[in-house]
Amino acid sequence: MKVTKSQLKQFIKEELEKVLEIEKFPRGEYPAVADEPKQKTDVARAAGKLEKTPQLGAMLQKIDNRVELEQFLGVLLKAVGQKLGPADVRMALMKAAKVAASSQ
């Protein structure tokens, strides 16, 4: 599939708008995401395993800088991204960034 110049411009514009939307609000003042669904069964199961495995939680707490977080997210995305498309992964990361911005 060949991407046209106008499609590329539109994609860049949309992505910039998303980034600017995140940066528009000061820390801690980002509005809560109202349309967040309850955790799905698979997510709840994985979160439950994380809570029941204190060693894993302790290892995750040792991630204390951006580079380590980026590397870990790469590993995580590789594991779950096999069934998801790039657009789904991108949107999930954008929503996660909004949640992270609102919790700081």
Protein backbone atom coordinates (compact mmCIF):
# COMPACT_ATOMS: atom_id res chain seq x y z
CA MET A 1 0.00 0.00 0.00
CA LYS A 2 1.43 3.33 -1.03
CA VAL A 3 0.87 6.34 1.20
CA THR A 4 0.10 9.57 -0.57
CA LYS A 5 1.47 12.93 0.43
CA SER A 6 -1.94 14.12 1.65
CA GLN A 7 -2.45 10.95 3.71
CA LEU A 8 0.95 11.42 5.30
CA LYS A 9 0.20 15.06 6.10
CA GLN A 10 -3.14 14.07 7.63
CA PHE A 11 -1.52 11.36 9.75
CA ILE A 12 1.19 13.75 11.00
CA LYS A 13 -1.43 16.38 11.78
CA GLU A 14 -3.53 13.92 13.79
CA GLU A 15 -0.53 12.68 15.76
CA LEU A 16 0.65 16.21 16.51
CA GLU A 17 -2.83 17.14 17.72
CA LYS A 18 -2.78 14.15 20.08
CA VAL A 19 0.61 15.12 21.47
CA LEU A 20 -0.39 18.74 21.86
CA GLU A 21 -3.61 17.68 23.59
CA ILE A 22 -1.56 15.82 26.21
CA GLU A 23 0.84 18.75 26.67
CA LYS A 24 -1.99 21.31 26.87
CA PHE A 25 -2.81 20.53 30.50
CA PRO A 26 -0.40 21.18 33.37
CA ARG A 27 0.57 18.18 35.48
CA GLY A 28 -2.25 16.90 37.63
CA GLU A 29 -4.91 18.94 35.85
CA TYR A 30 -5.65 16.59 32.97
CA PRO A 31 -9.37 15.75 32.88
CA ALA A 32 -10.28 12.20 33.77
CA VAL A 33 -11.00 9.93 30.85
CA ALA A 34 -14.72 9.29 31.27
CA ASP A 35 -15.10 6.61 28.64
CA GLU A 36 -12.64 4.19 30.25
CA PRO A 37 -14.22 0.73 30.34
CA LYS A 38 -13.88 -1.62 33.28
CA GLN A 39 -10.93 -3.96 33.11
CA LYS A 40 -11.40 -6.83 30.72
CA THR A 41 -11.11 -10.38 32.04
CA ASP A 42 -7.64 -10.89 30.56
CA VAL A 43 -6.39 -7.62 32.04
CA ALA A 44 -7.89 -8.38 35.44
CA ARG A 45 -6.29 -11.82 35.38
CA ALA A 46 -2.86 -10.38 34.51
CA ALA A 47 -3.20 -7.67 37.17
CA GLY A 48 -4.17 -10.30 39.71
CA LYS A 49 -1.06 -12.34 38.86
CA LEU A 50 1.06 -9.20 39.25
CA GLU A 51 -0.43 -8.54 42.69
CA LYS A 52 0.11 -12.19 43.74
CA THR A 53 3.74 -12.17 42.59
CA PRO A 54 5.57 -9.75 44.87
CA GLN A 55 8.93 -10.57 43.26
CA LEU A 56 7.70 -9.31 39.91
CA GLY A 57 6.27 -6.18 41.50
CA ALA A 58 9.59 -5.55 43.23
CA MET A 59 11.45 -5.95 39.93
CA LEU A 60 9.10 -3.51 38.20
CA GLN A 61 9.62 -0.96 40.97
CA LYS A 62 13.35 -1.00 40.18
CA ILE A 63 12.60 0.57 36.79
CA ASP A 64 13.47 4.13 37.71
CA ASN A 65 14.39 6.02 34.55
CA ARG A 66 13.01 6.70 31.12
CA VAL A 67 15.46 4.48 29.24
CA GLU A 68 14.64 1.45 31.38
CA LEU A 69 10.92 2.14 31.01
CA GLU A 70 11.23 2.41 27.22
CA GLN A 71 13.12 -0.88 27.09
CA PHE A 72 10.57 -2.62 29.30
CA LEU A 73 7.65 -1.25 27.30
CA GLY A 74 9.33 -2.56 24.16
CA VAL A 75 9.46 -6.04 25.67
CA LEU A 76 5.87 -5.78 26.85
CA LEU A 77 4.60 -4.50 23.51
CA LYS A 78 6.43 -7.24 21.67
CA ALA A 79 4.69 -9.80 23.89
CA VAL A 80 1.16 -8.41 23.51
CA GLY A 81 1.58 -6.76 20.13
CA GLN A 82 1.62 -10.00 18.18
CA LYS A 83 -2.18 -9.99 18.07
CA LEU A 84 -2.64 -6.21 17.81
CA GLY A 85 -2.04 -3.87 14.91
CA PRO A 86 0.25 -0.84 15.11
CA ALA A 87 -2.73 1.53 15.25
CA ASP A 88 -4.19 -0.32 18.25
CA VAL A 89 -0.85 -0.22 20.06
CA ARG A 90 -0.46 3.50 19.31
CA MET A 91 -3.93 4.33 20.60
CA ALA A 92 -3.41 2.27 23.76
CA LEU A 93 -0.16 4.11 24.43
CA MET A 94 -1.85 7.47 23.90
CA LYS A 95 -4.59 6.57 26.40
CA ALA A 96 -1.99 5.29 28.86
CA ALA A 97 -0.09 8.57 28.50
CA LYS A 98 -3.28 10.50 29.32
CA VAL A 99 -3.86 8.39 32.43
CA ALA A 100 -0.23 8.84 33.49
CA ALA A 101 -0.47 12.60 32.98
CA SER A 102 -3.62 12.80 35.07
CA SER A 103 -2.16 10.75 37.93
CA GLN A 104 0.93 12.94 38.42
